[in-house]
PDB file of all heavy atoms in Angstrom:
ATOM      1  N   ALA A   1      15.659   8.411   2.736  1.00  0.00           N
ATOM      2  CA  ALA A   1      15.449   9.836   2.447  1.00  0.00           C
ATOM      3  C   ALA A   1      16.668  10.647   2.888  1.00  0.00           C
ATOM      4  O   ALA A   1      17.230  10.421   3.963  1.00  0.00           O
ATOM      5  CB  ALA A   1      14.189  10.333   3.159  1.00  0.00           C
ATOM      6  N   LYS A   2      17.079  11.599   2.045  1.00  0.00           N
ATOM      7  CA  LYS A   2      18.280  12.395   2.319  1.00  0.00           C
ATOM      8  C   LYS A   2      17.977  13.737   2.981  1.00  0.00           C
ATOM      9  O   LYS A   2      18.848  14.317   3.621  1.00  0.00           O
ATOM     10  CB  LYS A   2      19.045  12.637   1.011  1.00  0.00           C
ATOM     11  CG  LYS A   2      19.447  11.357   0.278  1.00  0.00           C
ATOM     12  CD  LYS A   2      20.306  10.456   1.146  1.00  0.00           C
ATOM     13  CE  LYS A   2      20.727   9.190   0.389  1.00  0.00           C
ATOM     14  NZ  LYS A   2      21.420   8.223   1.283  1.00  0.00           N
ATOM     15  N   THR A   3      16.781  14.232   2.790  1.00  0.00           N
ATOM     16  CA  THR A   3      16.431  15.531   3.364  1.00  0.00           C
ATOM     17  C   THR A   3      15.084  15.438   4.074  1.00  0.00           C
ATOM     18  O   THR A   3      14.266  14.548   3.788  1.00  0.00           O
ATOM     19  CB  THR A   3      16.332  16.619   2.277  1.00  0.00           C
ATOM     20  OG1 THR A   3      15.226  16.327   1.409  1.00  0.00           O
ATOM     21  CG2 THR A   3      17.618  16.693   1.460  1.00  0.00           C
ATOM     22  N   VAL A   4      14.873  16.382   4.985  1.00  0.00           N
ATOM     23  CA  VAL A   4      13.596  16.444   5.700  1.00  0.00           C
ATOM     24  C   VAL A   4      12.460  16.689   4.722  1.00  0.00           C
ATOM     25  O   VAL A   4      11.373  16.110   4.850  1.00  0.00           O
ATOM     26  CB  VAL A   4      13.639  17.546   6.778  1.00  0.00           C
ATOM     27  CG1 VAL A   4      12.246  17.809   7.341  1.00  0.00           C
ATOM     28  CG2 VAL A   4      14.595  17.156   7.901  1.00  0.00           C
ATOM     29  N   GLU A   5      12.692  17.524   3.723  1.00  0.00           N
ATOM     30  CA  GLU A   5      11.658  17.817   2.721  1.00  0.00           C
ATOM     31  C   GLU A   5      11.267  16.549   1.960  1.00  0.00           C
ATOM     32  O   GLU A   5      10.079  16.297   1.706  1.00  0.00           O
ATOM     33  CB  GLU A   5      12.146  18.888   1.744  1.00  0.00           C
ATOM     34  CG  GLU A   5      12.327  20.272   2.354  1.00  0.00           C
ATOM     35  CD  GLU A   5      13.572  20.390   3.228  1.00  0.00           C
ATOM     36  OE1 GLU A   5      14.468  19.506   3.129  1.00  0.00           O
ATOM     37  OE2 GLU A   5      13.650  21.346   4.019  1.00  0.00           O
ATOM     38  N   GLU A   6      12.264  15.741   1.593  1.00  0.00           N
ATOM     39  CA  GLU A   6      11.972  14.489   0.891  1.00  0.00           C
ATOM     40  C   GLU A   6      11.182  13.543   1.785  1.00  0.00           C
ATOM     41  O   GLU A   6      10.229  12.888   1.342  1.00  0.00           O
ATOM     42  CB  GLU A   6      13.278  13.828   0.457  1.00  0.00           C
ATOM     43  CG  GLU A   6      13.088  12.500  -0.282  1.00  0.00           C
ATOM     44  CD  GLU A   6      14.391  11.772  -0.563  1.00  0.00           C
ATOM     45  OE1 GLU A   6      15.472  12.337  -0.281  1.00  0.00           O
ATOM     46  OE2 GLU A   6      14.326  10.630  -1.057  1.00  0.00           O
ATOM     47  N   PHE A   7      11.550  13.472   3.051  1.00  0.00           N
ATOM     48  CA  PHE A   7      10.872  12.604   4.011  1.00  0.00           C
ATOM     49  C   PHE A   7       9.402  12.991   4.133  1.00  0.00           C
ATOM     50  O   PHE A   7       8.503  12.139   4.056  1.00  0.00           O
ATOM     51  CB  PHE A   7      11.568  12.721   5.375  1.00  0.00           C
ATOM     52  CG  PHE A   7      11.153  11.704   6.392  1.00  0.00           C
ATOM     53  CD1 PHE A   7      11.886  10.546   6.579  1.00  0.00           C
ATOM     54  CD2 PHE A   7      10.037  11.913   7.198  1.00  0.00           C
ATOM     55  CE1 PHE A   7      11.513   9.607   7.539  1.00  0.00           C
ATOM     56  CE2 PHE A   7       9.656  10.987   8.153  1.00  0.00           C
ATOM     57  CZ  PHE A   7      10.401   9.831   8.324  1.00  0.00           C
ATOM     58  N   ARG A   8       9.156  14.289   4.296  1.00  0.00           N
ATOM     59  CA  ARG A   8       7.779  14.759   4.455  1.00  0.00           C
ATOM     60  C   ARG A   8       6.963  14.569   3.174  1.00  0.00           C
ATOM     61  O   ARG A   8       5.758  14.275   3.222  1.00  0.00           O
ATOM     62  CB  ARG A   8       7.775  16.234   4.885  1.00  0.00           C
ATOM     63  CG  ARG A   8       8.083  16.426   6.364  1.00  0.00           C
ATOM     64  CD  ARG A   8       8.370  17.875   6.719  1.00  0.00           C
ATOM     65  NE  ARG A   8       7.277  18.750   6.323  1.00  0.00           N
ATOM     66  CZ  ARG A   8       6.182  18.981   7.059  1.00  0.00           C
ATOM     67  NH1 ARG A   8       6.027  18.370   8.219  1.00  0.00           N
ATOM     68  NH2 ARG A   8       5.255  19.823   6.638  1.00  0.00           N
ATOM     69  N   LYS A   9       7.615  14.714   2.024  1.00  0.00           N
ATOM     70  CA  LYS A   9       6.902  14.503   0.758  1.00  0.00           C
ATOM     71  C   LYS A   9       6.500  13.040   0.603  1.00  0.00           C
ATOM     72  O   LYS A   9       5.398  12.728   0.129  1.00  0.00           O
ATOM     73  CB  LYS A   9       7.763  14.926  -0.431  1.00  0.00           C
ATOM     74  CG  LYS A   9       7.023  14.832  -1.775  1.00  0.00           C
ATOM     75  CD  LYS A   9       7.870  15.308  -2.929  1.00  0.00           C
ATOM     76  CE  LYS A   9       7.056  15.343  -4.226  1.00  0.00           C
ATOM     77  NZ  LYS A   9       6.438  14.034  -4.554  1.00  0.00           N
ATOM     78  N   LEU A  10       7.383  12.125   1.014  1.00  0.00           N
ATOM     79  CA  LEU A  10       7.046  10.701   0.964  1.00  0.00           C
ATOM     80  C   LEU A  10       5.820  10.407   1.835  1.00  0.00           C
ATOM     81  O   LEU A  10       4.921   9.664   1.435  1.00  0.00           O
ATOM     82  CB  LEU A  10       8.237   9.860   1.435  1.00  0.00           C
ATOM     83  CG  LEU A  10       9.415   9.748   0.473  1.00  0.00           C
ATOM     84  CD1 LEU A  10      10.636   9.166   1.192  1.00  0.00           C
ATOM     85  CD2 LEU A  10       9.044   8.859  -0.725  1.00  0.00           C
ATOM     86  N   VAL A  11       5.803  11.002   3.017  1.00  0.00           N
ATOM     87  CA  VAL A  11       4.657  10.813   3.925  1.00  0.00           C
ATOM     88  C   VAL A  11       3.385  11.349   3.290  1.00  0.00           C
ATOM     89  O   VAL A  11       2.334  10.692   3.305  1.00  0.00           O
ATOM     90  CB  VAL A  11       4.928  11.499   5.278  1.00  0.00           C
ATOM     91  CG1 VAL A  11       3.662  11.510   6.134  1.00  0.00           C
ATOM     92  CG2 VAL A  11       6.052  10.797   6.026  1.00  0.00           C
ATOM     93  N   ASP A  12       3.472  12.537   2.711  1.00  0.00           N
ATOM     94  CA  ASP A  12       2.304  13.148   2.077  1.00  0.00           C
ATOM     95  C   ASP A  12       1.820  12.316   0.889  1.00  0.00           C
ATOM     96  O   ASP A  12       0.613  12.093   0.713  1.00  0.00           O
ATOM     97  CB  ASP A  12       2.648  14.567   1.618  1.00  0.00           C
ATOM     98  CG  ASP A  12       1.452  15.293   1.032  1.00  0.00           C
ATOM     99  OD1 ASP A  12       0.481  15.526   1.769  1.00  0.00           O
ATOM    100  OD2 ASP A  12       1.474  15.621  -0.175  1.00  0.00           O
ATOM    101  N   ASP A  13       2.759  11.836   0.072  1.00  0.00           N
ATOM    102  CA  ASP A  13       2.379  11.020  -1.094  1.00  0.00           C
ATOM    103  C   ASP A  13       1.711   9.723  -0.658  1.00  0.00           C
ATOM    104  O   ASP A  13       0.701   9.305  -1.249  1.00  0.00           O
ATOM    105  CB  ASP A  13       3.617  10.707  -1.943  1.00  0.00           C
ATOM    106  CG  ASP A  13       4.110  11.907  -2.731  1.00  0.00           C
ATOM    107  OD1 ASP A  13       3.365  12.897  -2.828  1.00  0.00           O
ATOM    108  OD2 ASP A  13       5.242  11.846  -3.256  1.00  0.00           O
ATOM    109  N   LYS A  14       2.256   9.085   0.365  1.00  0.00           N
ATOM    110  CA  LYS A  14       1.677   7.825   0.823  1.00  0.00           C
ATOM    111  C   LYS A  14       0.287   8.041   1.406  1.00  0.00           C
ATOM    112  O   LYS A  14      -0.642   7.268   1.139  1.00  0.00           O
ATOM    113  CB  LYS A  14       2.590   7.195   1.886  1.00  0.00           C
ATOM    114  CG  LYS A  14       2.098   5.863   2.436  1.00  0.00           C
ATOM    115  CD  LYS A  14       2.092   4.787   1.370  1.00  0.00           C
ATOM    116  CE  LYS A  14       1.733   3.432   1.968  1.00  0.00           C
ATOM    117  NZ  LYS A  14       1.632   2.376   0.945  1.00  0.00           N
ATOM    118  N   GLU A  15       0.131   9.116   2.169  1.00  0.00           N
ATOM    119  CA  GLU A  15      -1.165   9.393   2.791  1.00  0.00           C
ATOM    120  C   GLU A  15      -2.230   9.674   1.749  1.00  0.00           C
ATOM    121  O   GLU A  15      -3.408   9.367   1.949  1.00  0.00           O
ATOM    122  CB  GLU A  15      -1.041  10.573   3.753  1.00  0.00           C
ATOM    123  CG  GLU A  15      -2.298  10.838   4.555  1.00  0.00           C
ATOM    124  CD  GLU A  15      -2.120  11.918   5.596  1.00  0.00           C
ATOM    125  OE1 GLU A  15      -1.095  12.620   5.568  1.00  0.00           O
ATOM    126  OE2 GLU A  15      -3.014  12.063   6.448  1.00  0.00           O
ATOM    127  N   ASN A  16      -1.818  10.236   0.611  1.00  0.00           N
ATOM    128  CA  ASN A  16      -2.772  10.602  -0.441  1.00  0.00           C
ATOM    129  C   ASN A  16      -2.729   9.661  -1.639  1.00  0.00           C
ATOM    130  O   ASN A  16      -3.130  10.028  -2.742  1.00  0.00           O
ATOM    131  CB  ASN A  16      -2.511  12.048  -0.888  1.00  0.00           C
ATOM    132  CG  ASN A  16      -2.855  13.052   0.194  1.00  0.00           C
ATOM    133  OD1 ASN A  16      -4.015  13.314   0.463  1.00  0.00           O
ATOM    134  ND2 ASN A  16      -1.822  13.618   0.841  1.00  0.00           N
ATOM    135  N   ASP A  17      -2.211   8.443  -1.399  1.00  0.00           N
ATOM    136  CA  ASP A  17      -2.203   7.382  -2.420  1.00  0.00           C
ATOM    137  C   ASP A  17      -1.443   7.769  -3.680  1.00  0.00           C
ATOM    138  O   ASP A  17      -1.779   7.337  -4.787  1.00  0.00           O
ATOM    139  CB  ASP A  17      -3.643   6.976  -2.790  1.00  0.00           C
ATOM    140  CG  ASP A  17      -4.406   6.410  -1.606  1.00  0.00           C
ATOM    141  OD1 ASP A  17      -3.797   5.663  -0.821  1.00  0.00           O
ATOM    142  OD2 ASP A  17      -5.594   6.742  -1.457  1.00  0.00           O
ATOM    143  N   ARG A  18      -0.373   8.576  -3.526  1.00  0.00           N
ATOM    144  CA  ARG A  18       0.457   8.933  -4.675  1.00  0.00           C
ATOM    145  C   ARG A  18       1.825   8.265  -4.622  1.00  0.00           C
ATOM    146  O   ARG A  18       2.623   8.430  -5.544  1.00  0.00           O
ATOM    147  CB  ARG A  18       0.654  10.455  -4.729  1.00  0.00           C
ATOM    148  CG  ARG A  18      -0.617  11.261  -4.978  1.00  0.00           C
ATOM    149  CD  ARG A  18      -0.290  12.714  -5.286  1.00  0.00           C
ATOM    150  NE  ARG A  18       0.442  13.345  -4.204  1.00  0.00           N
ATOM    151  CZ  ARG A  18      -0.118  14.073  -3.246  1.00  0.00           C
ATOM    152  NH1 ARG A  18      -1.442  14.260  -3.234  1.00  0.00           N
ATOM    153  NH2 ARG A  18       0.613  14.624  -2.295  1.00  0.00           N
ATOM    154  N   PHE A  19       2.105   7.539  -3.556  1.00  0.00           N
ATOM    155  CA  PHE A  19       3.434   6.950  -3.401  1.00  0.00           C
ATOM    156  C   PHE A  19       3.643   5.820  -4.397  1.00  0.00           C
ATOM    157  O   PHE A  19       2.809   4.928  -4.549  1.00  0.00           O
ATOM    158  CB  PHE A  19       3.621   6.410  -1.982  1.00  0.00           C
ATOM    159  CG  PHE A  19       4.885   5.622  -1.795  1.00  0.00           C
ATOM    160  CD1 PHE A  19       6.111   6.276  -1.716  1.00  0.00           C
ATOM    161  CD2 PHE A  19       4.858   4.242  -1.731  1.00  0.00           C
ATOM    162  CE1 PHE A  19       7.287   5.548  -1.559  1.00  0.00           C
ATOM    163  CE2 PHE A  19       6.028   3.508  -1.566  1.00  0.00           C
ATOM    164  CZ  PHE A  19       7.248   4.165  -1.480  1.00  0.00           C
ATOM    165  N   VAL A  20       4.786   5.880  -5.085  1.00  0.00           N
ATOM    166  CA  VAL A  20       5.193   4.822  -6.008  1.00  0.00           C
ATOM    167  C   VAL A  20       6.587   4.374  -5.606  1.00  0.00           C
ATOM    168  O   VAL A  20       7.508   5.203  -5.514  1.00  0.00           O
ATOM    169  CB  VAL A  20       5.195   5.309  -7.470  1.00  0.00           C
ATOM    170  CG1 VAL A  20       5.650   4.189  -8.389  1.00  0.00           C
ATOM    171  CG2 VAL A  20       3.816   5.813  -7.876  1.00  0.00           C
ATOM    172  N   ALA A  21       6.778   3.094  -5.356  1.00  0.00           N
ATOM    173  CA  ALA A  21       8.086   2.587  -4.959  1.00  0.00           C
ATOM    174  C   ALA A  21       9.102   2.856  -6.060  1.00  0.00           C
ATOM    175  O   ALA A  21       8.783   2.738  -7.249  1.00  0.00           O
ATOM    176  CB  ALA A  21       8.003   1.089  -4.672  1.00  0.00           C
ATOM    177  N   PRO A  22      10.350   3.224  -5.710  1.00  0.00           N
ATOM    178  CA  PRO A  22      11.361   3.535  -6.717  1.00  0.00           C
ATOM    179  C   PRO A  22      11.565   2.432  -7.746  1.00  0.00           C
ATOM    180  O   PRO A  22      11.798   2.696  -8.920  1.00  0.00           O
ATOM    181  CB  PRO A  22      12.634   3.740  -5.873  1.00  0.00           C
ATOM    182  CG  PRO A  22      12.125   4.151  -4.541  1.00  0.00           C
ATOM    183  CD  PRO A  22      10.835   3.413  -4.344  1.00  0.00           C
ATOM    184  N   SER A  23      11.464   1.186  -7.322  1.00  0.00           N
ATOM    185  CA  SER A  23      11.651   0.061  -8.254  1.00  0.00           C
ATOM    186  C   SER A  23      10.350  -0.715  -8.404  1.00  0.00           C
ATOM    187  O   SER A  23      10.343  -1.938  -8.417  1.00  0.00           O
ATOM    188  CB  SER A  23      12.762  -0.859  -7.746  1.00  0.00           C
ATOM    189  OG  SER A  23      12.457  -1.326  -6.446  1.00  0.00           O
ATOM    190  N   ALA A  24       9.260   0.036  -8.469  1.00  0.00           N
ATOM    191  CA  ALA A  24       7.944  -0.612  -8.505  1.00  0.00           C
ATOM    192  C   ALA A  24       7.791  -1.495  -9.728  1.00  0.00           C
ATOM    193  O   ALA A  24       8.129  -1.122 -10.843  1.00  0.00           O
ATOM    194  CB  ALA A  24       6.856   0.447  -8.499  1.00  0.00           C
ATOM    195  N   THR A  25       7.322  -2.677  -9.508  1.00  0.00           N
ATOM    196  CA  THR A  25       6.963  -3.586 -10.598  1.00  0.00           C
ATOM    197  C   THR A  25       5.506  -3.954 -10.409  1.00  0.00           C
ATOM    198  O   THR A  25       4.990  -3.928  -9.297  1.00  0.00           O
ATOM    199  CB  THR A  25       7.828  -4.861 -10.570  1.00  0.00           C
ATOM    200  OG1 THR A  25       7.689  -5.486  -9.292  1.00  0.00           O
ATOM    201  CG2 THR A  25       9.304  -4.520 -10.805  1.00  0.00           C
ATOM    202  N   GLU A  26       4.888  -4.294 -11.463  1.00  0.00           N
ATOM    203  CA  GLU A  26       3.459  -4.597 -11.381  1.00  0.00           C
ATOM    204  C   GLU A  26       3.248  -5.872 -10.601  1.00  0.00           C
ATOM    205  O   GLU A  26       3.768  -6.939 -10.947  1.00  0.00           O
ATOM    206  CB  GLU A  26       2.883  -4.750 -12.793  1.00  0.00           C
ATOM    207  CG  GLU A  26       1.370  -4.634 -12.807  1.00  0.00           C
ATOM    208  CD  GLU A  26       0.836  -4.447 -14.211  1.00  0.00           C
ATOM    209  OE1 GLU A  26       1.406  -3.634 -14.966  1.00  0.00           O
ATOM    210  OE2 GLU A  26      -0.119  -5.140 -14.551  1.00  0.00           O
ATOM    211  N   GLU A  27       2.515  -5.765  -9.513  1.00  0.00           N
ATOM    212  CA  GLU A  27       2.266  -6.925  -8.673  1.00  0.00           C
ATOM    213  C   GLU A  27       1.157  -7.776  -9.259  1.00  0.00           C
ATOM    214  O   GLU A  27       0.213  -7.259  -9.862  1.00  0.00           O
ATOM    215  CB  GLU A  27       1.864  -6.483  -7.260  1.00  0.00           C
ATOM    216  CG  GLU A  27       2.970  -5.768  -6.516  1.00  0.00           C
ATOM    217  CD  GLU A  27       2.572  -5.473  -5.092  1.00  0.00           C
ATOM    218  OE1 GLU A  27       1.447  -5.861  -4.707  1.00  0.00           O
ATOM    219  OE2 GLU A  27       3.379  -4.861  -4.375  1.00  0.00           O
ATOM    220  N   PRO A  28       1.264  -9.091  -9.085  1.00  0.00           N
ATOM    221  CA  PRO A  28       0.190  -9.943  -9.569  1.00  0.00           C
ATOM    222  C   PRO A  28      -1.107  -9.645  -8.835  1.00  0.00           C
ATOM    223  O   PRO A  28      -1.092  -9.306  -7.647  1.00  0.00           O
ATOM    224  CB  PRO A  28       0.688 -11.364  -9.248  1.00  0.00           C
ATOM    225  CG  PRO A  28       1.710 -11.173  -8.158  1.00  0.00           C
ATOM    226  CD  PRO A  28       2.340  -9.842  -8.430  1.00  0.00           C
ATOM    227  N   ALA A  29      -2.197  -9.722  -9.555  1.00  0.00           N
ATOM    228  CA  ALA A  29      -3.495  -9.440  -8.939  1.00  0.00           C
ATOM    229  C   ALA A  29      -3.782 -10.463  -7.855  1.00  0.00           C
ATOM    230  O   ALA A  29      -3.433 -11.634  -7.962  1.00  0.00           O
ATOM    231  CB  ALA A  29      -4.586  -9.485 -10.003  1.00  0.00           C
ATOM    232  N   ALA A  30      -4.396  -9.988  -6.785  1.00  0.00           N
ATOM    233  CA  ALA A  30      -4.757 -10.888  -5.688  1.00  0.00           C
ATOM    234  C   ALA A  30      -5.771 -11.903  -6.181  1.00  0.00           C
ATOM    235  O   ALA A  30      -6.590 -11.627  -7.057  1.00  0.00           O
ATOM    236  CB  ALA A  30      -5.336 -10.089  -4.530  1.00  0.00           C
ATOM    237  N   ALA A  31      -5.684 -13.092  -5.618  1.00  0.00           N
ATOM    238  CA  ALA A  31      -6.622 -14.137  -6.004  1.00  0.00           C
ATOM    239  C   ALA A  31      -8.035 -13.710  -5.656  1.00  0.00           C
ATOM    240  O   ALA A  31      -8.266 -12.988  -4.693  1.00  0.00           O
ATOM    241  CB  ALA A  31      -6.267 -15.434  -5.275  1.00  0.00           C
ATOM    242  N   ALA A  32      -8.977 -14.160  -6.456  1.00  0.00           N
ATOM    243  CA  ALA A  32     -10.373 -13.819  -6.195  1.00  0.00           C
ATOM    244  C   ALA A  32     -10.823 -14.491  -4.899  1.00  0.00           C
ATOM    245  O   ALA A  32     -10.391 -15.598  -4.580  1.00  0.00           O
ATOM    246  CB  ALA A  32     -11.250 -14.284  -7.350  1.00  0.00           C
ATOM    247  N   PRO A  33     -11.647 -13.811  -4.100  1.00  0.00           N
ATOM    248  CA  PRO A  33     -12.150 -14.425  -2.869  1.00  0.00           C
ATOM    249  C   PRO A  33     -12.798 -15.780  -3.142  1.00  0.00           C
ATOM    250  O   PRO A  33     -13.453 -15.978  -4.162  1.00  0.00           O
ATOM    251  CB  PRO A  33     -13.185 -13.406  -2.379  1.00  0.00           C
ATOM    252  CG  PRO A  33     -12.716 -12.104  -2.947  1.00  0.00           C
ATOM    253  CD  PRO A  33     -12.146 -12.452  -4.291  1.00  0.00           C
ATOM    254  N   LYS A  34     -12.606 -16.710  -2.210  1.00  0.00           N
ATOM    255  CA  LYS A  34     -13.062 -18.078  -2.418  1.00  0.00           C
ATOM    256  C   LYS A  34     -14.457 -18.332  -1.846  1.00  0.00           C
ATOM    257  O   LYS A  34     -14.958 -19.443  -1.914  1.00  0.00           O
ATOM    258  CB  LYS A  34     -12.066 -19.042  -1.763  1.00  0.00           C
ATOM    259  CG  LYS A  34     -10.651 -18.927  -2.317  1.00  0.00           C
ATOM    260  CD  LYS A  34      -9.693 -19.792  -1.526  1.00  0.00           C
ATOM    261  CE  LYS A  34      -8.260 -19.634  -2.020  1.00  0.00           C
ATOM    262  NZ  LYS A  34      -7.305 -20.407  -1.210  1.00  0.00           N
ATOM    263  N   ALA A  35     -15.064 -17.332  -1.257  1.00  0.00           N
ATOM    264  CA  ALA A  35     -16.381 -17.553  -0.649  1.00  0.00           C
ATOM    265  C   ALA A  35     -17.187 -16.276  -0.695  1.00  0.00           C
ATOM    266  O   ALA A  35     -16.654 -15.193  -0.904  1.00  0.00           O
ATOM    267  CB  ALA A  35     -16.219 -18.040   0.792  1.00  0.00           C
ATOM    268  N   ASP A  36     -18.499 -16.410  -0.492  1.00  0.00           N
ATOM    269  CA  ASP A  36     -19.367 -15.234  -0.522  1.00  0.00           C
ATOM    270  C   ASP A  36     -19.618 -14.686   0.882  1.00  0.00           C
ATOM    271  O   ASP A  36     -20.509 -13.870   1.079  1.00  0.00           O
ATOM    272  CB  ASP A  36     -20.698 -15.585  -1.195  1.00  0.00           C
ATOM    273  CG  ASP A  36     -21.421 -16.725  -0.488  1.00  0.00           C
ATOM    274  OD1 ASP A  36     -20.871 -17.252   0.499  1.00  0.00           O
ATOM    275  OD2 ASP A  36     -22.524 -17.080  -0.928  1.00  0.00           O
ATOM    276  N   HIS A  37     -18.831 -15.148   1.848  1.00  0.00           N
ATOM    277  CA  HIS A  37     -18.948 -14.626   3.207  1.00  0.00           C
ATOM    278  C   HIS A  37     -17.559 -14.235   3.685  1.00  0.00           C
ATOM    279  O   HIS A  37     -16.552 -14.532   3.043  1.00  0.00           O
ATOM    280  CB  HIS A  37     -19.552 -15.684   4.143  1.00  0.00           C
ATOM    281  CG  HIS A  37     -18.693 -16.907   4.287  1.00  0.00           C
ATOM    282  ND1 HIS A  37     -18.652 -17.898   3.334  1.00  0.00           N
ATOM    283  CD2 HIS A  37     -17.815 -17.289   5.257  1.00  0.00           C
ATOM    284  CE1 HIS A  37     -17.809 -18.848   3.705  1.00  0.00           C
ATOM    285  NE2 HIS A  37     -17.280 -18.501   4.868  1.00  0.00           N
ATOM    286  N   ILE A  38     -17.487 -13.549   4.814  1.00  0.00           N
ATOM    287  CA  ILE A  38     -16.195 -13.169   5.378  1.00  0.00           C
ATOM    288  C   ILE A  38     -15.565 -14.408   6.011  1.00  0.00           C
ATOM    289  O   ILE A  38     -16.103 -14.984   6.948  1.00  0.00           O
ATOM    290  CB  ILE A  38     -16.367 -12.044   6.412  1.00  0.00           C
ATOM    291  CG1 ILE A  38     -16.958 -10.805   5.746  1.00  0.00           C
ATOM    292  CG2 ILE A  38     -15.028 -11.705   7.060  1.00  0.00           C
ATOM    293  CD1 ILE A  38     -17.303  -9.687   6.703  1.00  0.00           C
ATOM    294  N   GLN A  39     -14.414 -14.806   5.463  1.00  0.00           N
ATOM    295  CA  GLN A  39     -13.798 -16.060   5.908  1.00  0.00           C
ATOM    296  C   GLN A  39     -12.960 -15.916   7.174  1.00  0.00           C
ATOM    297  O   GLN A  39     -12.923 -16.812   8.006  1.00  0.00           O
ATOM    298  CB  GLN A  39     -12.928 -16.621   4.772  1.00  0.00           C
ATOM    299  CG  GLN A  39     -13.749 -17.024   3.546  1.00  0.00           C
ATOM    300  CD  GLN A  39     -12.898 -17.060   2.287  1.00  0.00           C
ATOM    301  OE1 GLN A  39     -12.518 -16.035   1.757  1.00  0.00           O
ATOM    302  NE2 GLN A  39     -12.593 -18.254   1.826  1.00  0.00           N
ATOM    303  N   ILE A  40     -12.239 -14.805   7.279  1.00  0.00           N
ATOM    304  CA  ILE A  40     -11.381 -14.575   8.441  1.00  0.00           C
ATOM    305  C   ILE A  40     -11.881 -13.355   9.216  1.00  0.00           C
ATOM    306  O   ILE A  40     -12.036 -12.274   8.648  1.00  0.00           O
ATOM    307  CB  ILE A  40      -9.921 -14.344   8.019  1.00  0.00           C
ATOM    308  CG1 ILE A  40      -9.315 -15.626   7.450  1.00  0.00           C
ATOM    309  CG2 ILE A  40      -9.083 -13.848   9.201  1.00  0.00           C
ATOM    310  CD1 ILE A  40      -9.097 -16.721   8.482  1.00  0.00           C
ATOM    311  N   LEU A  41     -12.132 -13.550  10.499  1.00  0.00           N
ATOM    312  CA  LEU A  41     -12.475 -12.446  11.396  1.00  0.00           C
ATOM    313  C   LEU A  41     -11.343 -12.304  12.414  1.00  0.00           C
ATOM    314  O   LEU A  41     -10.728 -13.302  12.808  1.00  0.00           O
ATOM    315  CB  LEU A  41     -13.785 -12.721  12.133  1.00  0.00           C
ATOM    316  CG  LEU A  41     -15.052 -12.875  11.290  1.00  0.00           C
ATOM    317  CD1 LEU A  41     -16.235 -13.157  12.211  1.00  0.00           C
ATOM    318  CD2 LEU A  41     -15.309 -11.633  10.457  1.00  0.00           C
ATOM    319  N   ALA A  42     -11.091 -11.073  12.827  1.00  0.00           N
ATOM    320  CA  ALA A  42     -10.042 -10.859  13.825  1.00  0.00           C
ATOM    321  C   ALA A  42     -10.423  -9.690  14.724  1.00  0.00           C
ATOM    322  O   ALA A  42     -11.188  -8.809  14.345  1.00  0.00           O
ATOM    323  CB  ALA A  42      -8.700 -10.583  13.144  1.00  0.00           C
ATOM    324  N   VAL A  43      -9.858  -9.716  15.929  1.00  0.00           N
ATOM    325  CA  VAL A  43      -9.964  -8.607  16.873  1.00  0.00           C
ATOM    326  C   VAL A  43      -8.545  -8.272  17.307  1.00  0.00           C
ATOM    327  O   VAL A  43      -7.769  -9.169  17.666  1.00  0.00           O
ATOM    328  CB  VAL A  43     -10.798  -8.988  18.109  1.00  0.00           C
ATOM    329  CG1 VAL A  43     -10.860  -7.816  19.091  1.00  0.00           C
ATOM    330  CG2 VAL A  43     -12.197  -9.422  17.710  1.00  0.00           C
ATOM    331  N   THR A  44      -8.184  -6.988  17.243  1.00  0.00           N
ATOM    332  CA  THR A  44      -6.857  -6.572  17.704  1.00  0.00           C
ATOM    333  C   THR A  44      -7.012  -5.501  18.781  1.00  0.00           C
ATOM    334  O   THR A  44      -7.897  -4.652  18.699  1.00  0.00           O
ATOM    335  CB  THR A  44      -5.993  -6.019  16.555  1.00  0.00           C
ATOM    336  OG1 THR A  44      -6.606  -4.859  15.983  1.00  0.00           O
ATOM    337  CG2 THR A  44      -5.815  -7.070  15.468  1.00  0.00           C
TER     338      THR A  44
END
């Protein structure tokens, strides 16, 4: 980011799900879940 205004706009866009990467390409769809239960549990 070159300006403070651009930096803050990027933050606002990302927070509101409007951020698009400058060289965005369509990502492959995630593989379908392999089970009908939660496979990985974690605590952080």
